[in-house]
Amino acid sequence: MGLSFGHILIIVVIILLLFGAKQLPEIGRSLGQAMKEFKKGLKEGTEEPEDEPEKKVKKSSGKKRKK
């Protein structure tokens, strides 16, 4: 059970009436950014975490540095 061209056309007309032609590009842009962030989050979530680099602690050699 899919949407026919007539159904899609009616939905587009209703959306135009509700939001107006000026706000549609802004809505589309924000939806695109949201989808991009969602996909980025999914990709980051499926990657295996890399081993954290060991914290290197500098040991003093006992010698004092001259200023």
N, C-alpha and C. Protein backbone atom coordinates (compact mmCIF):
# COMPACT_ATOMS: atom_id res chain seq x y z
N MET A 1 0.86 -1.18 0.00
CA MET A 1 0.00 0.00 0.00
C MET A 1 0.89 1.23 0.00
N GLY A 2 1.09 1.81 -1.16
CA GLY A 2 1.96 2.97 -1.29
C GLY A 2 1.17 4.23 -1.56
N LEU A 3 1.89 5.31 -1.60
CA LEU A 3 1.27 6.60 -1.89
C LEU A 3 1.31 6.84 -3.39
N SER A 4 0.20 7.22 -3.94
CA SER A 4 0.16 7.54 -5.35
C SER A 4 0.55 9.01 -5.55
N PHE A 5 0.74 9.40 -6.80
CA PHE A 5 1.11 10.78 -7.11
C PHE A 5 0.07 11.76 -6.60
N GLY A 6 -1.20 11.40 -6.69
CA GLY A 6 -2.28 12.28 -6.22
C GLY A 6 -2.20 12.52 -4.72
N HIS A 7 -1.90 11.47 -3.96
CA HIS A 7 -1.79 11.61 -2.51
C HIS A 7 -0.61 12.52 -2.14
N ILE A 8 0.51 12.31 -2.82
CA ILE A 8 1.69 13.13 -2.54
C ILE A 8 1.42 14.59 -2.88
N LEU A 9 0.73 14.83 -3.98
CA LEU A 9 0.40 16.20 -4.39
C LEU A 9 -0.49 16.88 -3.35
N ILE A 10 -1.48 16.17 -2.86
CA ILE A 10 -2.37 16.73 -1.82
C ILE A 10 -1.58 17.05 -0.56
N ILE A 11 -0.68 16.17 -0.16
CA ILE A 11 0.14 16.41 1.04
C ILE A 11 1.01 17.65 0.86
N VAL A 12 1.62 17.80 -0.32
CA VAL A 12 2.46 18.96 -0.59
C VAL A 12 1.65 20.25 -0.54
N VAL A 13 0.45 20.25 -1.10
CA VAL A 13 -0.41 21.44 -1.08
C VAL A 13 -0.79 21.80 0.35
N ILE A 14 -1.12 20.82 1.16
CA ILE A 14 -1.47 21.08 2.57
C ILE A 14 -0.28 21.66 3.31
N ILE A 15 0.91 21.12 3.07
CA ILE A 15 2.12 21.63 3.74
C ILE A 15 2.38 23.07 3.31
N LEU A 16 2.20 23.37 2.02
CA LEU A 16 2.37 24.75 1.55
C LEU A 16 1.39 25.70 2.23
N LEU A 17 0.16 25.25 2.39
CA LEU A 17 -0.85 26.10 3.05
C LEU A 17 -0.54 26.32 4.52
N LEU A 18 -0.03 25.29 5.19
CA LEU A 18 0.24 25.40 6.62
C LEU A 18 1.47 26.27 6.91
N PHE A 19 2.55 26.05 6.18
CA PHE A 19 3.81 26.71 6.52
C PHE A 19 4.12 27.90 5.63
N GLY A 20 3.62 27.95 4.45
CA GLY A 20 3.93 29.05 3.54
C GLY A 20 5.20 28.75 2.76
N ALA A 21 5.32 29.38 1.63
CA ALA A 21 6.44 29.11 0.72
C ALA A 21 7.76 29.65 1.27
N LYS A 22 7.73 30.66 2.12
CA LYS A 22 8.96 31.26 2.63
C LYS A 22 9.63 30.37 3.66
N GLN A 23 8.87 29.62 4.44
CA GLN A 23 9.46 28.81 5.50
C GLN A 23 9.87 27.42 5.03
N LEU A 24 9.39 26.97 3.88
CA LEU A 24 9.72 25.62 3.41
C LEU A 24 11.21 25.39 3.20
N PRO A 25 11.97 26.31 2.58
CA PRO A 25 13.42 26.06 2.45
C PRO A 25 14.12 25.94 3.81
N GLU A 26 13.70 26.76 4.76
CA GLU A 26 14.29 26.70 6.11
C GLU A 26 13.98 25.37 6.79
N ILE A 27 12.76 24.90 6.64
CA ILE A 27 12.37 23.62 7.21
C ILE A 27 13.16 22.48 6.56
N GLY A 28 13.30 22.53 5.25
CA GLY A 28 14.07 21.52 4.54
C GLY A 28 15.53 21.51 4.96
N ARG A 29 16.10 22.69 5.14
CA ARG A 29 17.50 22.81 5.56
C ARG A 29 17.69 22.22 6.96
N SER A 30 16.79 22.55 7.87
CA SER A 30 16.92 22.03 9.23
C SER A 30 16.71 20.52 9.28
N LEU A 31 15.81 20.00 8.45
CA LEU A 31 15.62 18.56 8.38
C LEU A 31 16.87 17.87 7.83
N GLY A 32 17.49 18.47 6.83
CA GLY A 32 18.72 17.92 6.27
C GLY A 32 19.84 17.89 7.29
N GLN A 33 20.00 18.95 8.07
CA GLN A 33 21.02 18.99 9.10
C GLN A 33 20.74 17.95 10.18
N ALA A 34 19.47 17.80 10.54
CA ALA A 34 19.12 16.82 11.56
C ALA A 34 19.42 15.40 11.09
N MET A 35 19.13 15.11 9.83
CA MET A 35 19.42 13.78 9.29
C MET A 35 20.93 13.53 9.24
N LYS A 36 21.70 14.57 8.88
CA LYS A 36 23.15 14.43 8.81
C LYS A 36 23.73 14.15 10.21
N GLU A 37 23.25 14.87 11.22
CA GLU A 37 23.72 14.65 12.58
C GLU A 37 23.32 13.27 13.09
N PHE A 38 22.12 12.82 12.73
CA PHE A 38 21.65 11.51 13.15
C PHE A 38 22.52 10.41 12.56
N LYS A 39 22.82 10.52 11.26
CA LYS A 39 23.67 9.53 10.60
C LYS A 39 25.08 9.55 11.19
N LYS A 40 25.57 10.74 11.50
CA LYS A 40 26.90 10.87 12.10
C LYS A 40 26.93 10.19 13.47
N GLY A 41 25.87 10.38 14.24
CA GLY A 41 25.77 9.74 15.55
C GLY A 41 25.70 8.22 15.44
N LEU A 42 24.96 7.72 14.45
CA LEU A 42 24.90 6.28 14.25
C LEU A 42 26.26 5.72 13.88
N LYS A 43 26.97 6.43 13.02
CA LYS A 43 28.28 5.98 12.58
C LYS A 43 29.26 5.96 13.74
N GLU A 44 29.23 6.98 14.58
CA GLU A 44 30.12 7.04 15.73
C GLU A 44 29.77 5.96 16.75
N GLY A 45 28.51 5.63 16.85
CA GLY A 45 28.08 4.62 17.81
C GLY A 45 28.46 3.21 17.40
N THR A 46 28.59 2.96 16.10
CA THR A 46 28.91 1.61 15.64
C THR A 46 30.41 1.38 15.54
N GLU A 47 31.21 2.44 15.53
CA GLU A 47 32.65 2.27 15.46
C GLU A 47 33.16 1.71 16.77
N GLU A 48 34.18 0.88 16.68
CA GLU A 48 34.79 0.35 17.88
C GLU A 48 35.63 1.43 18.51
N PRO A 49 35.52 1.58 19.82
CA PRO A 49 36.32 2.62 20.47
C PRO A 49 37.80 2.24 20.41
N GLU A 50 38.61 3.21 20.09
CA GLU A 50 40.04 2.98 20.03
C GLU A 50 40.59 2.94 21.45
N ASP A 51 41.68 2.23 21.61
CA ASP A 51 42.32 2.21 22.93
C ASP A 51 42.75 3.61 23.28
N GLU A 52 42.45 3.99 24.51
CA GLU A 52 42.83 5.32 24.93
C GLU A 52 44.35 5.39 25.06
N PRO A 53 44.94 6.42 24.55
CA PRO A 53 46.39 6.53 24.69
C PRO A 53 46.76 6.63 26.16
N GLU A 54 47.79 5.89 26.51
CA GLU A 54 48.21 5.91 27.90
C GLU A 54 48.70 7.30 28.26
N LYS A 55 48.34 7.70 29.44
CA LYS A 55 48.77 9.02 29.89
C LYS A 55 50.25 8.95 30.22
N LYS A 56 50.99 9.79 29.58
CA LYS A 56 52.42 9.82 29.81
C LYS A 56 52.70 10.81 30.92
N VAL A 57 53.32 10.31 31.95
CA VAL A 57 53.66 11.16 33.08
C VAL A 57 55.14 11.48 32.97
N LYS A 58 55.44 12.75 32.94
CA LYS A 58 56.84 13.15 32.85
C LYS A 58 57.49 12.99 34.22
N LYS A 59 58.55 12.25 34.22
CA LYS A 59 59.29 12.07 35.47
C LYS A 59 60.45 13.04 35.48
N SER A 60 60.62 13.68 36.59
CA SER A 60 61.73 14.62 36.68
C SER A 60 63.01 13.84 36.90
N SER A 61 64.06 14.30 36.29
CA SER A 61 65.34 13.60 36.39
C SER A 61 66.13 14.02 37.63
N GLY A 62 65.56 14.88 38.41
CA GLY A 62 66.23 15.32 39.63
C GLY A 62 67.06 16.56 39.40
N LYS A 63 67.28 16.93 38.17
CA LYS A 63 68.07 18.11 37.87
C LYS A 63 67.15 19.31 37.79
N LYS A 64 67.64 20.42 38.31
CA LYS A 64 66.85 21.65 38.26
C LYS A 64 67.23 22.41 37.02
N ARG A 65 66.25 23.00 36.39
CA ARG A 65 66.48 23.78 35.19
C ARG A 65 66.82 25.21 35.56
N LYS A 66 67.75 25.80 34.86
CA LYS A 66 68.10 27.20 35.08
C LYS A 66 67.15 28.07 34.28
N LYS A 67 66.75 29.17 34.85
CA LYS A 67 65.85 30.10 34.18
C LYS A 67 66.61 31.15 33.44
